[in-house]
Amino acid sequence: MSAARVRRFTVAAMVVAGLLAAGVPAGGAVQVTDGIGRTLALPALPRRIVSLVPGVTEMLYAIGAEDRLVGRTDFCDYPPAARSKPSVGGTVAPSLEVLVSLKPDLVVATSAGNSDETRRQLERLRVPLYLVDPHGLWDVFRTMMRLGALTEREGRAAQVAAGLELRVRAVAVRVAARPP
């Protein structure tokens, strides 16, 4: 992939992130759409995030938003620094007592890996729940960009996503030259 194409992707990603965060005054209320299309009304951008998704934990570290992460599951163990954050237990049935004690203003879960019961209980406790549901590589990039907007790390999210796209394209070029 050419450098110009990477720049175009980076600019496009930054525009998307800007649109996701557009109109959000610092410290002001914000409406966000999660990965399954639900709209969440948050009093402000989240400062205390609990991740119930290992990939989301990795993304938060990759974009430099680990300071917003206050909790994780036992399976959120990469990068190694993530292990220093408090664990809420497993992904399917985390300890709600521990989770609530961390006072999150956003919990990130997945519609596929976290139980319906856990989601219902978090909603009953009025803990804002942001669901991700990536089904392919572009969904992963989109999730990263949304996390960048939620954590005010749009530029870094765009850089990481562009770098990943460059690596994917390089692999595609290498394998395309191989015989079937």
N, C-alpha and C. Protein backbone atom coordinates (compact mmCIF):
# COMPACT_ATOMS: atom_id res chain seq x y z
N MET A 1 0.84 -1.17 0.00
CA MET A 1 0.00 0.00 0.00
C MET A 1 0.89 1.23 0.00
N SER A 2 0.51 2.20 -0.77
CA SER A 2 1.32 3.41 -0.88
C SER A 2 1.15 4.28 0.36
N ALA A 3 2.14 5.15 0.56
CA ALA A 3 2.08 6.07 1.70
C ALA A 3 0.89 7.01 1.55
N ALA A 4 0.58 7.38 0.31
CA ALA A 4 -0.56 8.27 0.08
C ALA A 4 -1.87 7.60 0.49
N ARG A 5 -1.98 6.31 0.22
CA ARG A 5 -3.20 5.59 0.58
C ARG A 5 -3.34 5.47 2.10
N VAL A 6 -2.24 5.25 2.77
CA VAL A 6 -2.27 5.19 4.24
C VAL A 6 -2.70 6.54 4.79
N ARG A 7 -2.17 7.62 4.22
CA ARG A 7 -2.56 8.96 4.67
C ARG A 7 -4.05 9.19 4.46
N ARG A 8 -4.58 8.75 3.29
CA ARG A 8 -6.01 8.91 3.01
C ARG A 8 -6.85 8.14 4.03
N PHE A 9 -6.42 6.91 4.35
CA PHE A 9 -7.15 6.12 5.35
C PHE A 9 -7.10 6.82 6.70
N THR A 10 -5.92 7.33 7.07
CA THR A 10 -5.78 8.00 8.36
C THR A 10 -6.67 9.22 8.43
N VAL A 11 -6.70 10.00 7.37
CA VAL A 11 -7.55 11.19 7.35
C VAL A 11 -9.02 10.77 7.43
N ALA A 12 -9.41 9.75 6.66
CA ALA A 12 -10.80 9.29 6.70
C ALA A 12 -11.17 8.79 8.09
N ALA A 13 -10.26 8.06 8.72
CA ALA A 13 -10.51 7.54 10.07
C ALA A 13 -10.65 8.69 11.06
N MET A 14 -9.83 9.71 10.91
CA MET A 14 -9.91 10.85 11.82
C MET A 14 -11.22 11.61 11.62
N VAL A 15 -11.69 11.70 10.38
CA VAL A 15 -12.97 12.35 10.12
C VAL A 15 -14.10 11.58 10.79
N VAL A 16 -14.07 10.24 10.65
CA VAL A 16 -15.10 9.41 11.28
C VAL A 16 -15.07 9.62 12.79
N ALA A 17 -13.88 9.59 13.37
CA ALA A 17 -13.77 9.78 14.82
C ALA A 17 -14.28 11.16 15.21
N GLY A 18 -13.97 12.16 14.40
CA GLY A 18 -14.45 13.51 14.69
C GLY A 18 -15.96 13.59 14.63
N LEU A 19 -16.55 12.90 13.66
CA LEU A 19 -18.00 12.89 13.57
C LEU A 19 -18.63 12.18 14.76
N LEU A 20 -17.97 11.12 15.23
CA LEU A 20 -18.49 10.39 16.39
C LEU A 20 -18.49 11.27 17.63
N ALA A 21 -17.50 12.14 17.72
CA ALA A 21 -17.39 12.98 18.91
C ALA A 21 -17.88 14.40 18.67
N ALA A 22 -18.37 14.69 17.48
CA ALA A 22 -18.77 16.06 17.14
C ALA A 22 -19.84 16.58 18.08
N GLY A 23 -19.69 17.81 18.43
CA GLY A 23 -20.70 18.45 19.26
C GLY A 23 -20.63 18.05 20.72
N VAL A 24 -19.58 17.40 21.12
CA VAL A 24 -19.45 16.99 22.52
C VAL A 24 -18.62 18.02 23.25
N PRO A 25 -19.26 18.89 24.02
CA PRO A 25 -18.47 19.85 24.78
C PRO A 25 -17.69 19.12 25.87
N ALA A 26 -16.54 19.65 26.20
CA ALA A 26 -15.72 19.03 27.25
C ALA A 26 -16.56 18.91 28.51
N GLY A 27 -16.67 17.68 29.01
CA GLY A 27 -17.42 17.45 30.22
C GLY A 27 -18.92 17.47 30.04
N GLY A 28 -19.40 17.63 28.80
CA GLY A 28 -20.83 17.71 28.57
C GLY A 28 -21.46 16.38 28.24
N ALA A 29 -22.79 16.34 28.30
CA ALA A 29 -23.53 15.12 27.99
C ALA A 29 -23.28 14.73 26.54
N VAL A 30 -23.33 13.42 26.31
CA VAL A 30 -23.04 12.89 24.98
C VAL A 30 -23.94 11.70 24.70
N GLN A 31 -24.35 11.58 23.45
CA GLN A 31 -25.05 10.39 23.00
C GLN A 31 -24.12 9.64 22.08
N VAL A 32 -24.00 8.34 22.32
CA VAL A 32 -23.14 7.50 21.49
C VAL A 32 -23.94 6.30 21.02
N THR A 33 -23.54 5.78 19.88
CA THR A 33 -24.15 4.57 19.34
C THR A 33 -23.15 3.45 19.48
N ASP A 34 -23.57 2.36 20.12
CA ASP A 34 -22.63 1.27 20.34
C ASP A 34 -22.54 0.37 19.11
N GLY A 35 -21.82 -0.72 19.23
CA GLY A 35 -21.54 -1.59 18.10
C GLY A 35 -22.72 -2.37 17.58
N ILE A 36 -23.84 -2.38 18.31
CA ILE A 36 -25.03 -3.07 17.80
C ILE A 36 -26.15 -2.08 17.47
N GLY A 37 -25.80 -0.79 17.46
CA GLY A 37 -26.75 0.22 17.03
C GLY A 37 -27.60 0.83 18.14
N ARG A 38 -27.35 0.49 19.39
CA ARG A 38 -28.10 1.10 20.49
C ARG A 38 -27.53 2.48 20.79
N THR A 39 -28.41 3.42 21.11
CA THR A 39 -27.98 4.76 21.50
C THR A 39 -27.92 4.85 23.02
N LEU A 40 -26.79 5.31 23.51
CA LEU A 40 -26.60 5.49 24.95
C LEU A 40 -26.47 6.97 25.23
N ALA A 41 -27.13 7.43 26.27
CA ALA A 41 -26.97 8.81 26.73
C ALA A 41 -26.06 8.78 27.94
N LEU A 42 -24.91 9.41 27.83
CA LEU A 42 -23.95 9.46 28.92
C LEU A 42 -23.86 10.90 29.42
N PRO A 43 -23.70 11.10 30.72
CA PRO A 43 -23.59 12.47 31.23
C PRO A 43 -22.32 13.17 30.74
N ALA A 44 -21.31 12.39 30.39
CA ALA A 44 -20.05 12.92 29.87
C ALA A 44 -19.29 11.76 29.25
N LEU A 45 -18.22 12.07 28.55
CA LEU A 45 -17.38 10.99 28.03
C LEU A 45 -16.83 10.19 29.21
N PRO A 46 -16.74 8.87 29.06
CA PRO A 46 -16.34 8.04 30.20
C PRO A 46 -14.92 8.29 30.67
N ARG A 47 -14.76 8.31 31.97
CA ARG A 47 -13.45 8.44 32.61
C ARG A 47 -13.05 7.15 33.31
N ARG A 48 -14.06 6.29 33.60
CA ARG A 48 -13.82 5.04 34.34
C ARG A 48 -14.50 3.90 33.58
N ILE A 49 -13.69 3.14 32.84
CA ILE A 49 -14.20 2.07 31.97
C ILE A 49 -13.82 0.72 32.54
N VAL A 50 -14.79 -0.19 32.55
CA VAL A 50 -14.51 -1.59 32.85
C VAL A 50 -14.69 -2.34 31.53
N SER A 51 -13.69 -3.09 31.14
CA SER A 51 -13.74 -3.87 29.90
C SER A 51 -14.00 -5.33 30.23
N LEU A 52 -15.05 -5.88 29.63
CA LEU A 52 -15.34 -7.30 29.75
C LEU A 52 -14.92 -8.04 28.48
N VAL A 53 -14.13 -7.37 27.64
CA VAL A 53 -13.73 -7.92 26.34
C VAL A 53 -12.22 -7.80 26.20
N PRO A 54 -11.49 -8.92 26.13
CA PRO A 54 -10.03 -8.85 26.00
C PRO A 54 -9.56 -7.97 24.85
N GLY A 55 -10.20 -8.06 23.70
CA GLY A 55 -9.79 -7.24 22.56
C GLY A 55 -9.97 -5.75 22.81
N VAL A 56 -11.00 -5.39 23.54
CA VAL A 56 -11.23 -3.98 23.88
C VAL A 56 -10.14 -3.50 24.84
N THR A 57 -9.77 -4.34 25.80
CA THR A 57 -8.70 -3.98 26.72
C THR A 57 -7.42 -3.71 25.94
N GLU A 58 -7.09 -4.58 24.98
CA GLU A 58 -5.90 -4.38 24.16
C GLU A 58 -5.99 -3.09 23.37
N MET A 59 -7.17 -2.81 22.81
CA MET A 59 -7.34 -1.58 22.04
C MET A 59 -7.16 -0.34 22.91
N LEU A 60 -7.70 -0.36 24.12
CA LEU A 60 -7.56 0.80 25.00
C LEU A 60 -6.08 1.07 25.29
N TYR A 61 -5.31 0.03 25.50
CA TYR A 61 -3.87 0.21 25.69
C TYR A 61 -3.21 0.70 24.40
N ALA A 62 -3.58 0.12 23.27
CA ALA A 62 -2.96 0.49 22.00
C ALA A 62 -3.16 1.96 21.65
N ILE A 63 -4.31 2.51 22.03
CA ILE A 63 -4.59 3.91 21.69
C ILE A 63 -4.21 4.87 22.82
N GLY A 64 -3.59 4.33 23.86
CA GLY A 64 -3.13 5.19 24.96
C GLY A 64 -4.22 5.60 25.93
N ALA A 65 -5.28 4.81 26.03
CA ALA A 65 -6.38 5.16 26.93
C ALA A 65 -6.43 4.25 28.16
N GLU A 66 -5.30 3.64 28.49
CA GLU A 66 -5.28 2.74 29.65
C GLU A 66 -5.58 3.47 30.96
N ASP A 67 -5.38 4.79 30.98
CA ASP A 67 -5.70 5.55 32.19
C ASP A 67 -7.20 5.57 32.46
N ARG A 68 -8.01 5.32 31.45
CA ARG A 68 -9.47 5.28 31.62
C ARG A 68 -9.95 3.90 32.08
N LEU A 69 -9.11 2.88 31.93
CA LEU A 69 -9.48 1.51 32.27
C LEU A 69 -9.31 1.29 33.77
N VAL A 70 -10.43 0.99 34.46
CA VAL A 70 -10.36 0.77 35.91
C VAL A 70 -10.61 -0.68 36.29
N GLY A 71 -11.03 -1.50 35.32
CA GLY A 71 -11.29 -2.90 35.60
C GLY A 71 -11.30 -3.73 34.33
N ARG A 72 -11.08 -5.02 34.51
CA ARG A 72 -10.96 -5.95 33.39
C ARG A 72 -11.39 -7.34 33.85
N THR A 73 -11.46 -8.29 32.92
CA THR A 73 -11.75 -9.66 33.30
C THR A 73 -10.43 -10.43 33.48
N ASP A 74 -10.54 -11.64 33.99
CA ASP A 74 -9.36 -12.49 34.14
C ASP A 74 -8.69 -12.77 32.81
N PHE A 75 -9.45 -12.70 31.74
CA PHE A 75 -8.93 -13.01 30.41
C PHE A 75 -8.34 -11.80 29.70
N CYS A 76 -8.49 -10.64 30.26
CA CYS A 76 -7.92 -9.41 29.71
C CYS A 76 -6.50 -9.28 30.28
N ASP A 77 -5.58 -10.04 29.70
CA ASP A 77 -4.23 -10.10 30.27
C ASP A 77 -3.14 -9.62 29.32
N TYR A 78 -3.54 -8.94 28.25
CA TYR A 78 -2.56 -8.39 27.33
C TYR A 78 -2.97 -6.97 27.01
N PRO A 79 -2.00 -6.07 26.99
CA PRO A 79 -0.58 -6.27 27.28
C PRO A 79 -0.39 -6.63 28.76
N PRO A 80 0.80 -7.11 29.11
CA PRO A 80 1.04 -7.52 30.49
C PRO A 80 0.66 -6.46 31.53
N ALA A 81 0.78 -5.19 31.18
CA ALA A 81 0.42 -4.12 32.12
C ALA A 81 -1.06 -4.18 32.51
N ALA A 82 -1.88 -4.77 31.66
CA ALA A 82 -3.32 -4.86 31.97
C ALA A 82 -3.57 -5.68 33.22
N ARG A 83 -2.67 -6.59 33.51
CA ARG A 83 -2.84 -7.44 34.70
C ARG A 83 -2.78 -6.64 36.00
N SER A 84 -2.26 -5.42 35.93
CA SER A 84 -2.19 -4.60 37.15
C SER A 84 -3.55 -3.95 37.49
N LYS A 85 -4.49 -3.99 36.56
CA LYS A 85 -5.82 -3.44 36.81
C LYS A 85 -6.66 -4.46 37.58
N PRO A 86 -7.57 -4.01 38.42
CA PRO A 86 -8.43 -4.95 39.15
C PRO A 86 -9.24 -5.83 38.21
N SER A 87 -9.39 -7.09 38.58
CA SER A 87 -10.18 -8.03 37.79
C SER A 87 -11.57 -8.17 38.40
N VAL A 88 -12.56 -8.27 37.52
CA VAL A 88 -13.94 -8.48 37.95
C VAL A 88 -14.33 -9.95 37.80
N GLY A 89 -13.36 -10.81 37.47
CA GLY A 89 -13.64 -12.24 37.31
C GLY A 89 -13.72 -12.61 35.84
N GLY A 90 -14.58 -13.58 35.54
CA GLY A 90 -14.70 -14.09 34.17
C GLY A 90 -15.51 -13.19 33.26
N THR A 91 -15.51 -13.53 31.97
CA THR A 91 -16.24 -12.73 31.00
C THR A 91 -17.72 -13.06 30.98
N VAL A 92 -18.06 -14.33 31.19
CA VAL A 92 -19.45 -14.74 31.10
C VAL A 92 -20.24 -14.30 32.32
N ALA A 93 -19.65 -14.44 33.50
CA ALA A 93 -20.35 -14.08 34.74
C ALA A 93 -19.40 -13.33 35.67
N PRO A 94 -19.08 -12.09 35.34
CA PRO A 94 -18.19 -11.32 36.22
C PRO A 94 -18.87 -11.04 37.56
N SER A 95 -18.06 -10.74 38.54
CA SER A 95 -18.60 -10.38 39.85
C SER A 95 -19.18 -8.97 39.76
N LEU A 96 -20.48 -8.88 39.87
CA LEU A 96 -21.13 -7.57 39.78
C LEU A 96 -20.77 -6.71 40.98
N GLU A 97 -20.55 -7.34 42.13
CA GLU A 97 -20.18 -6.58 43.33
C GLU A 97 -18.84 -5.89 43.11
N VAL A 98 -17.87 -6.64 42.58
CA VAL A 98 -16.56 -6.04 42.32
C VAL A 98 -16.68 -4.98 41.23
N LEU A 99 -17.41 -5.30 40.17
CA LEU A 99 -17.58 -4.36 39.06
C LEU A 99 -18.17 -3.05 39.55
N VAL A 100 -19.26 -3.11 40.29
CA VAL A 100 -19.92 -1.89 40.78
C VAL A 100 -19.02 -1.13 41.73
N SER A 101 -18.21 -1.86 42.53
CA SER A 101 -17.31 -1.19 43.48
C SER A 101 -16.26 -0.34 42.77
N LEU A 102 -15.99 -0.63 41.50
CA LEU A 102 -15.01 0.14 40.72
C LEU A 102 -15.60 1.46 40.22
N LYS A 103 -16.90 1.65 40.42
CA LYS A 103 -17.61 2.87 40.04
C LYS A 103 -17.39 3.26 38.56
N PRO A 104 -17.64 2.32 37.65
CA PRO A 104 -17.45 2.65 36.24
C PRO A 104 -18.53 3.60 35.73
N ASP A 105 -18.16 4.47 34.80
CA ASP A 105 -19.19 5.24 34.13
C ASP A 105 -19.48 4.64 32.76
N LEU A 106 -18.78 3.52 32.43
CA LEU A 106 -19.08 2.76 31.22
C LEU A 106 -18.48 1.37 31.36
N VAL A 107 -19.27 0.37 31.01
CA VAL A 107 -18.80 -1.01 30.91
C VAL A 107 -18.88 -1.39 29.44
N VAL A 108 -17.80 -1.95 28.91
CA VAL A 108 -17.79 -2.40 27.52
C VAL A 108 -17.86 -3.92 27.52
N ALA A 109 -18.87 -4.45 26.83
CA ALA A 109 -19.09 -5.89 26.75
C ALA A 109 -19.33 -6.26 25.29
N THR A 110 -19.44 -7.53 25.04
CA THR A 110 -19.73 -8.00 23.70
C THR A 110 -21.05 -8.74 23.68
N SER A 111 -21.77 -8.60 22.60
CA SER A 111 -23.06 -9.28 22.50
C SER A 111 -22.87 -10.78 22.35
N ALA A 112 -21.67 -11.22 21.98
CA ALA A 112 -21.43 -12.64 21.75
C ALA A 112 -20.79 -13.34 22.94
N GLY A 113 -19.92 -12.68 23.69
CA GLY A 113 -19.15 -13.35 24.72
C GLY A 113 -19.59 -13.13 26.14
N ASN A 114 -20.46 -12.17 26.36
CA ASN A 114 -20.94 -11.89 27.72
C ASN A 114 -22.40 -12.34 27.80
N SER A 115 -22.80 -12.84 28.95
CA SER A 115 -24.14 -13.41 29.07
C SER A 115 -25.23 -12.35 29.05
N ASP A 116 -26.40 -12.78 28.56
CA ASP A 116 -27.57 -11.90 28.58
C ASP A 116 -27.91 -11.50 30.01
N GLU A 117 -27.73 -12.44 30.93
CA GLU A 117 -28.04 -12.16 32.34
C GLU A 117 -27.15 -11.05 32.89
N THR A 118 -25.85 -11.10 32.57
CA THR A 118 -24.93 -10.05 33.02
C THR A 118 -25.36 -8.71 32.44
N ARG A 119 -25.71 -8.69 31.17
CA ARG A 119 -26.15 -7.44 30.54
C ARG A 119 -27.42 -6.91 31.21
N ARG A 120 -28.38 -7.80 31.46
CA ARG A 120 -29.63 -7.38 32.12
C ARG A 120 -29.35 -6.82 33.51
N GLN A 121 -28.48 -7.48 34.27
CA GLN A 121 -28.19 -7.01 35.62
C GLN A 121 -27.50 -5.65 35.60
N LEU A 122 -26.58 -5.45 34.66
CA LEU A 122 -25.92 -4.14 34.56
C LEU A 122 -26.93 -3.05 34.21
N GLU A 123 -27.84 -3.36 33.30
CA GLU A 123 -28.86 -2.39 32.94
C GLU A 123 -29.78 -2.12 34.14
N ARG A 124 -30.13 -3.15 34.91
CA ARG A 124 -30.96 -2.97 36.10
C ARG A 124 -30.27 -2.08 37.12
N LEU A 125 -28.94 -2.22 37.22
CA LEU A 125 -28.16 -1.40 38.14
C LEU A 125 -27.85 -0.01 37.57
N ARG A 126 -28.32 0.24 36.36
CA ARG A 126 -28.12 1.51 35.67
C ARG A 126 -26.65 1.83 35.41
N VAL A 127 -25.90 0.77 35.13
CA VAL A 127 -24.50 0.94 34.74
C VAL A 127 -24.49 1.03 33.22
N PRO A 128 -24.05 2.16 32.65
CA PRO A 128 -24.05 2.28 31.19
C PRO A 128 -23.24 1.16 30.54
N LEU A 129 -23.87 0.52 29.56
CA LEU A 129 -23.30 -0.66 28.91
C LEU A 129 -23.15 -0.41 27.41
N TYR A 130 -21.92 -0.43 26.97
CA TYR A 130 -21.59 -0.23 25.55
C TYR A 130 -21.24 -1.59 24.98
N LEU A 131 -22.03 -2.06 24.01
CA LEU A 131 -21.79 -3.37 23.42
C LEU A 131 -21.00 -3.26 22.12
N VAL A 132 -20.04 -4.15 21.96
CA VAL A 132 -19.31 -4.27 20.70
C VAL A 132 -19.68 -5.60 20.08
N ASP A 133 -19.61 -5.67 18.76
CA ASP A 133 -20.00 -6.89 18.06
C ASP A 133 -19.25 -7.00 16.74
N PRO A 134 -17.91 -7.05 16.79
CA PRO A 134 -17.16 -7.10 15.54
C PRO A 134 -17.26 -8.47 14.86
N HIS A 135 -17.57 -8.43 13.58
CA HIS A 135 -17.68 -9.67 12.80
C HIS A 135 -16.61 -9.78 11.73
N GLY A 136 -15.79 -8.79 11.61
CA GLY A 136 -14.74 -8.81 10.61
C GLY A 136 -13.71 -7.75 10.93
N LEU A 137 -12.69 -7.71 10.12
CA LEU A 137 -11.57 -6.80 10.34
C LEU A 137 -12.02 -5.33 10.36
N TRP A 138 -12.90 -4.95 9.45
CA TRP A 138 -13.32 -3.55 9.39
C TRP A 138 -14.14 -3.18 10.61
N ASP A 139 -14.88 -4.15 11.15
CA ASP A 139 -15.61 -3.89 12.40
C ASP A 139 -14.64 -3.65 13.56
N VAL A 140 -13.51 -4.34 13.55
CA VAL A 140 -12.49 -4.12 14.58
C VAL A 140 -11.95 -2.70 14.47
N PHE A 141 -11.65 -2.27 13.23
CA PHE A 141 -11.16 -0.90 13.03
C PHE A 141 -12.20 0.11 13.49
N ARG A 142 -13.46 -0.15 13.16
CA ARG A 142 -14.54 0.77 13.55
C ARG A 142 -14.67 0.82 15.08
N THR A 143 -14.55 -0.33 15.74
CA THR A 143 -14.59 -0.37 17.20
C THR A 143 -13.46 0.45 17.78
N MET A 144 -12.27 0.31 17.21
CA MET A 144 -11.12 1.08 17.69
C MET A 144 -11.37 2.58 17.54
N MET A 145 -11.93 2.98 16.42
CA MET A 145 -12.20 4.39 16.20
C MET A 145 -13.26 4.91 17.19
N ARG A 146 -14.27 4.09 17.46
CA ARG A 146 -15.30 4.51 18.43
C ARG A 146 -14.71 4.62 19.83
N LEU A 147 -13.85 3.67 20.19
CA LEU A 147 -13.19 3.76 21.50
C LEU A 147 -12.30 5.00 21.56
N GLY A 148 -11.65 5.33 20.45
CA GLY A 148 -10.85 6.55 20.39
C GLY A 148 -11.69 7.79 20.64
N ALA A 149 -12.88 7.83 20.04
CA ALA A 149 -13.77 8.97 20.24
C ALA A 149 -14.26 9.03 21.68
N LEU A 150 -14.61 7.87 22.25
CA LEU A 150 -15.12 7.83 23.63
C LEU A 150 -14.07 8.25 24.65
N THR A 151 -12.79 8.03 24.32
CA THR A 151 -11.72 8.32 25.27
C THR A 151 -10.88 9.53 24.88
N GLU A 152 -11.35 10.25 23.87
CA GLU A 152 -10.65 11.44 23.38
C GLU A 152 -9.23 11.10 22.89
N ARG A 153 -9.11 9.94 22.24
CA ARG A 153 -7.84 9.50 21.66
C ARG A 153 -8.03 9.23 20.16
N GLU A 154 -8.80 10.09 19.50
CA GLU A 154 -9.13 9.89 18.10
C GLU A 154 -7.90 9.78 17.20
N GLY A 155 -6.94 10.67 17.40
CA GLY A 155 -5.75 10.68 16.56
C GLY A 155 -4.94 9.41 16.70
N ARG A 156 -4.73 8.97 17.93
CA ARG A 156 -3.96 7.74 18.15
C ARG A 156 -4.71 6.53 17.62
N ALA A 157 -6.04 6.49 17.79
CA ALA A 157 -6.84 5.40 17.25
C ALA A 157 -6.71 5.34 15.73
N ALA A 158 -6.73 6.49 15.09
CA ALA A 158 -6.58 6.54 13.63
C ALA A 158 -5.20 6.04 13.21
N GLN A 159 -4.17 6.41 13.95
CA GLN A 159 -2.81 5.93 13.63
C GLN A 159 -2.71 4.42 13.78
N VAL A 160 -3.23 3.89 14.87
CA VAL A 160 -3.15 2.45 15.10
C VAL A 160 -3.94 1.70 14.03
N ALA A 161 -5.15 2.18 13.73
CA ALA A 161 -5.97 1.52 12.71
C ALA A 161 -5.28 1.57 11.35
N ALA A 162 -4.69 2.69 11.00
CA ALA A 162 -3.98 2.81 9.71
C ALA A 162 -2.78 1.87 9.67
N GLY A 163 -2.06 1.77 10.77
CA GLY A 163 -0.92 0.85 10.82
C GLY A 163 -1.35 -0.60 10.67
N LEU A 164 -2.46 -0.96 11.30
CA LEU A 164 -2.97 -2.32 11.17
C LEU A 164 -3.43 -2.60 9.75
N GLU A 165 -4.09 -1.62 9.15
CA GLU A 165 -4.53 -1.81 7.75
C GLU A 165 -3.33 -2.00 6.84
N LEU A 166 -2.29 -1.23 7.06
CA LEU A 166 -1.07 -1.37 6.26
C LEU A 166 -0.49 -2.78 6.39
N ARG A 167 -0.45 -3.30 7.60
CA ARG A 167 0.06 -4.65 7.81
C ARG A 167 -0.81 -5.70 7.13
N VAL A 168 -2.14 -5.54 7.21
CA VAL A 168 -3.06 -6.48 6.57
C VAL A 168 -2.85 -6.46 5.06
N ARG A 169 -2.73 -5.28 4.50
CA ARG A 169 -2.53 -5.16 3.04
C ARG A 169 -1.20 -5.78 2.63
N ALA A 170 -0.16 -5.59 3.43
CA ALA A 170 1.15 -6.17 3.11
C ALA A 170 1.08 -7.70 3.09
N VAL A 171 0.37 -8.27 4.04
CA VAL A 171 0.20 -9.73 4.06
C VAL A 171 -0.60 -10.18 2.84
N ALA A 172 -1.65 -9.45 2.49
CA ALA A 172 -2.46 -9.80 1.33
C ALA A 172 -1.62 -9.81 0.05
N VAL A 173 -0.74 -8.83 -0.08
CA VAL A 173 0.14 -8.77 -1.26
C VAL A 173 1.07 -9.98 -1.28
N ARG A 174 1.63 -10.32 -0.12
CA ARG A 174 2.57 -11.46 -0.06
C ARG A 174 1.88 -12.78 -0.39
N VAL A 175 0.70 -12.99 0.14
CA VAL A 175 0.03 -14.28 -0.11
C VAL A 175 -0.59 -14.34 -1.49
N ALA A 176 -0.90 -13.19 -2.09
CA ALA A 176 -1.48 -13.19 -3.44
C ALA A 176 -0.48 -13.72 -4.46
N ALA A 177 0.80 -13.54 -4.19
CA ALA A 177 1.83 -14.00 -5.12
C ALA A 177 2.10 -15.51 -5.02
N ARG A 178 1.58 -16.15 -4.02
CA ARG A 178 1.80 -17.59 -3.85
C ARG A 178 0.81 -18.39 -4.69
N PRO A 179 1.27 -19.52 -5.19
CA PRO A 179 0.33 -20.37 -5.93
C PRO A 179 -0.70 -20.99 -5.00
N PRO A 180 -1.88 -21.24 -5.53
CA PRO A 180 -2.96 -21.80 -4.68
C PRO A 180 -2.64 -23.19 -4.15
